[in-house]
Amino acid sequence: MVEVDLLDFVEWFKRLAKQALGKHAGEPATGGFARWKHVVIHGFRLEEEHSFRETVNRLKYMGDIRDVLELNRSDVPDYTTLNKSFDRFKMWVWRALLRVSAQQHPQSGFAALDSTFFDRGHASAHYLDRSNQTVETMKVTTLTDTVSLAVLDVQCHAQWPHDTKSGPQVVRRNADDLQTVAADNGFQDWHSEYEFYSLSVEPLIHYRGSSANAVSNNALIRERGYTQRWMAETSYSSVKRSLGDAVRAQTWYREFREIVLMFAIINIEQLCDPL
């Protein structure tokens, strides 16, 4: 697990949550508390790997954290209030938080595209059985800056689309800030390459097979930066080592939000890293 100063982490989270929410930051949410306070508490909850009930108990005895949150001990929201607020905050809130957390890091324009999986089986086996669902892992496609290791964007899927479908979707959202995108051959087809070029993004994607054309193309893209693709795997490793490789939420829309929040937390942890 990545070791960070918890107070420093919460202070960073407060600043970025207010940026992400913009004019809505001070508006009251569930329980009458400002929206930014809810967002920060959810970040604190995942960072500490606590349940909603455990989070409330921790906050009651952590005066320095409450000071950052501008809460008195008697003001700490009930765990049911936090549970409801995580339901009510839309995905745009967590995407905005991910975006502003990435913007705190140098933006090189060179990115790596890759996919990984998060377990949803052991954390919600009862729910899966009761709801007659069989999907036990979530597929997650990310875009990672190869210089700063900041995660720029995340796309979550319960139905596991092919990488050639999810990859262009992620690149399309970030094309204005990209020069090149490195990815393995799972993302390679001519439709994807055509779209990347149309967006003025150079695809550094390995070709399949051992034909002369594939070998020469792969040699060329290695020279142009393909080898930096492993940076995406580093970001996955950081998330799973720090926050675990499973989601706790029981419904898919909450799981999607939790995964985006996890990658935003990793971006913020890097800001707190004394090294």
Protein backbone atom coordinates (compact mmCIF):
# COMPACT_ATOMS: atom_id res chain seq x y z
CA MET A 1 0.00 0.00 0.00
CA VAL A 2 1.25 3.50 -0.84
CA GLU A 3 2.10 5.44 2.32
CA VAL A 4 0.83 9.03 2.28
CA ASP A 5 0.32 11.68 4.92
CA LEU A 6 -3.42 11.40 5.54
CA LEU A 7 -3.90 15.04 6.51
CA ASP A 8 -2.03 16.19 3.40
CA PHE A 9 -4.15 13.82 1.31
CA VAL A 10 -7.43 15.21 2.69
CA GLU A 11 -6.29 18.81 2.18
CA TRP A 12 -5.41 18.06 -1.46
CA PHE A 13 -8.72 16.28 -1.89
CA LYS A 14 -10.60 19.27 -0.51
CA ARG A 15 -8.99 21.67 -2.98
CA LEU A 16 -9.59 19.38 -5.95
CA ALA A 17 -13.14 18.49 -4.96
CA LYS A 18 -14.03 22.19 -4.91
CA GLN A 19 -12.45 22.63 -8.35
CA ALA A 20 -14.31 19.62 -9.74
CA LEU A 21 -17.68 20.76 -8.41
CA GLY A 22 -17.18 24.39 -9.42
CA LYS A 23 -20.16 26.58 -8.57
CA HIS A 24 -21.94 23.55 -7.07
CA ALA A 25 -19.23 22.93 -4.43
CA GLY A 26 -20.97 24.81 -1.63
CA GLU A 27 -24.49 23.68 -2.45
CA PRO A 28 -26.06 21.41 0.18
CA ALA A 29 -26.38 17.72 -0.59
CA THR A 30 -27.88 14.88 1.46
CA GLY A 31 -28.15 15.85 5.13
CA GLY A 32 -27.60 19.55 4.42
CA PHE A 33 -23.80 19.31 4.12
CA ALA A 34 -21.91 21.04 1.30
CA ARG A 35 -21.29 18.79 -1.68
CA TRP A 36 -17.51 19.10 -1.47
CA LYS A 37 -17.57 17.66 2.07
CA HIS A 38 -19.36 14.54 0.86
CA VAL A 39 -16.88 14.07 -2.01
CA VAL A 40 -13.89 14.41 0.32
CA ILE A 41 -15.34 11.99 2.87
CA HIS A 42 -15.88 9.39 0.12
CA GLY A 43 -12.25 9.82 -0.93
CA PHE A 44 -11.15 9.46 2.70
CA ARG A 45 -13.35 6.34 3.01
CA LEU A 46 -11.76 4.56 0.05
CA GLU A 47 -8.25 5.69 0.93
CA GLU A 48 -8.64 4.18 4.40
CA GLU A 49 -10.57 1.15 3.04
CA HIS A 50 -13.39 1.58 5.55
CA SER A 51 -17.10 0.91 5.34
CA PHE A 52 -19.56 3.80 5.64
CA ARG A 53 -20.15 3.00 9.32
CA GLU A 54 -16.41 2.71 10.06
CA THR A 55 -15.75 6.01 8.28
CA VAL A 56 -18.17 7.87 10.55
CA ASN A 57 -16.60 6.34 13.67
CA ARG A 58 -13.09 7.29 12.49
CA LEU A 59 -14.08 10.88 11.76
CA LYS A 60 -15.49 11.35 15.26
CA TYR A 61 -12.03 10.73 16.73
CA MET A 62 -9.87 12.47 14.10
CA GLY A 63 -9.98 16.16 15.00
CA ASP A 64 -7.42 17.30 12.42
CA ILE A 65 -9.36 15.68 9.59
CA ARG A 66 -12.62 17.21 10.84
CA ASP A 67 -10.94 20.62 10.90
CA VAL A 68 -10.11 20.29 7.19
CA LEU A 69 -13.69 19.19 6.55
CA GLU A 70 -14.96 22.14 8.64
CA LEU A 71 -17.01 19.79 10.81
CA ASN A 72 -17.52 19.62 14.55
CA ARG A 73 -17.65 16.22 16.22
CA SER A 74 -21.43 16.52 16.53
CA ASP A 75 -21.71 17.43 12.83
CA VAL A 76 -20.25 14.19 11.44
CA PRO A 77 -22.93 12.84 9.08
CA ASP A 78 -24.63 9.53 9.73
CA TYR A 79 -23.37 6.57 7.71
CA THR A 80 -26.78 6.29 5.99
CA THR A 81 -26.41 9.89 4.81
CA LEU A 82 -23.04 9.09 3.23
CA ASN A 83 -24.47 5.98 1.61
CA LYS A 84 -27.28 7.99 0.04
CA SER A 85 -24.94 10.73 -1.17
CA PHE A 86 -22.77 8.23 -3.04
CA ASP A 87 -25.94 7.13 -4.80
CA ARG A 88 -27.01 10.65 -5.68
CA PHE A 89 -23.75 12.08 -6.99
CA LYS A 90 -23.74 11.55 -10.75
CA MET A 91 -20.80 10.13 -12.70
CA TRP A 92 -19.83 13.59 -13.97
CA VAL A 93 -18.72 14.51 -10.43
CA TRP A 94 -16.22 11.66 -10.23
CA ARG A 95 -15.03 12.19 -13.81
CA ALA A 96 -14.48 15.87 -13.07
CA LEU A 97 -12.49 14.93 -9.96
CA LEU A 98 -10.36 12.51 -12.01
CA ARG A 99 -9.75 15.19 -14.62
CA VAL A 100 -8.66 17.92 -12.18
CA SER A 101 -6.48 15.43 -10.26
CA ALA A 102 -4.70 14.52 -13.50
CA GLN A 103 -4.24 18.19 -14.40
CA GLN A 104 -2.09 18.69 -11.28
CA HIS A 105 0.57 16.57 -12.98
CA PRO A 106 2.66 17.50 -16.05
CA GLN A 107 0.75 16.78 -19.26
CA SER A 108 3.14 15.42 -21.90
CA GLY A 109 0.67 14.56 -24.67
CA PHE A 110 2.07 11.01 -24.79
CA ALA A 111 -0.30 8.42 -23.37
CA ALA A 112 -0.69 4.67 -22.96
CA LEU A 113 -3.97 2.85 -23.47
CA ASP A 114 -4.64 -0.46 -21.74
CA SER A 115 -7.32 -2.56 -20.05
CA THR A 116 -7.47 -4.44 -16.77
CA PHE A 117 -10.10 -6.14 -14.61
CA PHE A 118 -11.49 -5.55 -11.12
CA ASP A 119 -13.23 -8.26 -9.15
CA ARG A 120 -16.82 -7.72 -8.12
CA GLY A 121 -17.53 -11.32 -7.07
CA HIS A 122 -16.22 -11.73 -3.53
CA ALA A 123 -17.31 -8.25 -2.45
CA SER A 124 -20.93 -8.72 -3.51
CA ALA A 125 -21.50 -12.44 -3.97
CA HIS A 126 -24.84 -12.33 -2.15
CA TYR A 127 -26.05 -9.48 -4.33
CA LEU A 128 -24.96 -11.24 -7.52
CA ASP A 129 -26.79 -14.39 -6.50
CA ARG A 130 -29.92 -12.54 -5.40
CA SER A 131 -30.06 -10.41 -8.55
CA ASN A 132 -29.28 -13.36 -10.83
CA GLN A 133 -26.17 -11.68 -12.27
CA THR A 134 -23.17 -13.66 -13.47
CA VAL A 135 -20.60 -10.95 -14.25
CA GLU A 136 -17.92 -11.26 -11.56
CA THR A 137 -15.31 -8.87 -13.00
CA MET A 138 -15.47 -5.34 -14.36
CA LYS A 139 -13.38 -4.41 -17.38
CA VAL A 140 -11.62 -1.06 -17.06
CA THR A 141 -9.86 0.79 -19.90
CA THR A 142 -7.55 3.64 -18.89
CA LEU A 143 -5.50 6.35 -20.52
CA THR A 144 -2.27 7.12 -18.65
CA ASP A 145 0.28 9.88 -19.25
CA THR A 146 3.56 8.08 -19.88
CA VAL A 147 5.68 10.79 -18.28
CA SER A 148 3.80 11.72 -15.11
CA LEU A 149 1.91 8.39 -14.68
CA ALA A 150 -1.26 10.40 -14.07
CA VAL A 151 -4.42 8.55 -15.11
CA LEU A 152 -6.18 10.86 -17.55
CA ASP A 153 -9.38 8.96 -18.20
CA VAL A 154 -11.20 5.75 -17.27
CA GLN A 155 -13.91 3.77 -19.05
CA CYS A 156 -15.73 1.00 -17.14
CA HIS A 157 -17.62 -1.91 -18.66
CA ALA A 158 -19.70 -4.76 -17.25
CA GLN A 159 -20.12 -6.48 -20.64
CA TRP A 160 -16.44 -6.52 -21.71
CA PRO A 161 -16.48 -4.89 -25.17
CA HIS A 162 -13.48 -5.54 -27.41
CA ASP A 163 -10.56 -3.15 -26.91
CA THR A 164 -11.07 -1.83 -30.44
CA LYS A 165 -14.46 -0.52 -29.26
CA SER A 166 -13.49 0.92 -25.89
CA GLY A 167 -10.10 2.35 -26.92
CA PRO A 168 -11.35 4.91 -29.48
CA GLN A 169 -14.05 6.03 -27.04
CA VAL A 170 -11.43 6.98 -24.44
CA VAL A 171 -9.09 8.61 -26.97
CA ARG A 172 -11.94 10.57 -28.53
CA ARG A 173 -12.71 12.28 -25.21
CA ASN A 174 -9.09 13.36 -24.74
CA ALA A 175 -7.90 13.90 -28.32
CA ASP A 176 -7.26 17.65 -27.93
CA ASP A 177 -4.56 16.94 -25.32
CA LEU A 178 -2.86 13.99 -27.04
CA GLN A 179 -0.02 13.59 -29.54
CA THR A 180 0.51 9.82 -29.45
CA VAL A 181 -1.22 6.82 -27.91
CA ALA A 182 0.64 3.54 -27.30
CA ALA A 183 -1.35 0.31 -27.01
CA ASP A 184 -0.92 -3.43 -27.51
CA ASN A 185 -2.33 -5.35 -30.46
CA GLY A 186 -5.66 -5.88 -28.73
CA PHE A 187 -6.50 -2.31 -29.77
CA GLN A 188 -5.34 -2.74 -33.37
CA ASP A 189 -7.70 -2.55 -36.33
CA TRP A 190 -7.86 -0.19 -39.26
CA HIS A 191 -11.06 1.50 -38.01
CA SER A 192 -9.34 2.53 -34.77
CA GLU A 193 -6.19 3.70 -36.51
CA TYR A 194 -8.21 5.74 -39.01
CA GLU A 195 -10.15 7.42 -36.21
CA PHE A 196 -6.98 8.21 -34.24
CA TYR A 197 -5.38 9.83 -37.27
CA SER A 198 -8.57 11.78 -37.99
CA LEU A 199 -8.28 13.15 -34.43
CA SER A 200 -4.62 14.14 -35.08
CA VAL A 201 -3.40 11.49 -32.62
CA GLU A 202 -0.63 9.15 -33.77
CA PRO A 203 -1.41 5.52 -32.84
CA LEU A 204 1.59 3.51 -31.62
CA ILE A 205 -0.20 0.17 -31.73
CA HIS A 206 1.48 -3.19 -32.23
CA TYR A 207 0.42 -5.15 -35.30
CA ARG A 208 -0.52 -8.80 -34.99
CA GLY A 209 1.33 -11.57 -36.78
CA SER A 210 4.85 -11.97 -38.18
CA SER A 211 4.44 -10.70 -41.72
CA ALA A 212 7.10 -8.39 -43.11
CA ASN A 213 4.68 -5.48 -42.88
CA ALA A 214 3.85 -6.22 -39.22
CA VAL A 215 7.51 -6.69 -38.24
CA SER A 216 8.61 -3.44 -39.91
CA ASN A 217 5.70 -1.48 -38.45
CA ASN A 218 6.36 -2.81 -34.94
CA ALA A 219 10.04 -1.93 -35.18
CA LEU A 220 9.11 1.62 -36.22
CA ILE A 221 6.62 2.23 -33.44
CA ARG A 222 9.04 0.89 -30.83
CA GLU A 223 11.46 3.61 -31.89
CA ARG A 224 8.70 6.22 -31.61
CA GLY A 225 7.78 5.39 -28.01
CA TYR A 226 5.72 2.21 -27.94
CA THR A 227 7.87 0.80 -25.13
CA GLN A 228 6.32 3.37 -22.77
CA ARG A 229 3.06 1.41 -22.91
CA TRP A 230 4.03 -0.36 -19.67
CA MET A 231 3.26 2.89 -17.82
CA ALA A 232 -0.43 1.98 -17.95
CA GLU A 233 0.31 -1.30 -16.20
CA THR A 234 2.19 0.64 -13.53
CA SER A 235 -0.92 2.71 -12.81
CA TYR A 236 -3.00 -0.47 -12.43
CA SER A 237 -0.42 -1.92 -10.09
CA SER A 238 -0.52 1.25 -7.97
CA VAL A 239 -4.31 1.16 -7.67
CA LYS A 240 -4.51 -2.53 -6.80
CA ARG A 241 -1.59 -2.39 -4.38
CA SER A 242 -2.96 0.68 -2.60
CA LEU A 243 -6.73 0.20 -2.76
CA GLY A 244 -7.22 -3.45 -3.68
CA ASP A 245 -8.29 -5.25 -6.85
CA ALA A 246 -12.00 -5.48 -6.02
CA VAL A 247 -14.93 -3.10 -5.75
CA ARG A 248 -17.19 -3.04 -2.71
CA ALA A 249 -20.31 -1.51 -4.22
CA GLN A 250 -23.14 -3.86 -5.10
CA THR A 251 -24.72 -2.22 -8.14
CA TRP A 252 -22.96 -1.59 -11.43
CA TYR A 253 -23.45 2.19 -11.47
CA ARG A 254 -21.95 2.51 -7.97
CA GLU A 255 -19.09 0.20 -9.00
CA PHE A 256 -18.33 2.43 -12.00
CA ARG A 257 -18.20 5.50 -9.75
CA GLU A 258 -16.03 3.69 -7.21
CA ILE A 259 -13.49 2.69 -9.87
CA VAL A 260 -13.21 6.24 -11.25
CA LEU A 261 -12.78 7.52 -7.69
CA MET A 262 -10.03 4.94 -7.05
CA PHE A 263 -7.96 6.24 -9.98
CA ALA A 264 -8.51 9.85 -8.86
CA ILE A 265 -7.22 8.84 -5.42
CA ILE A 266 -4.06 7.41 -6.97
CA ASN A 267 -3.46 10.69 -8.82
CA ILE A 268 -3.84 12.55 -5.52
CA GLU A 269 -1.62 10.11 -3.65
CA GLN A 270 1.16 10.92 -6.12
CA LEU A 271 0.81 14.59 -5.18
CA CYS A 272 1.30 13.67 -1.52
CA ASP A 273 4.27 11.40 -2.13
CA PRO A 274 7.31 13.02 -0.46
CA LEU A 275 9.56 11.41 -3.09
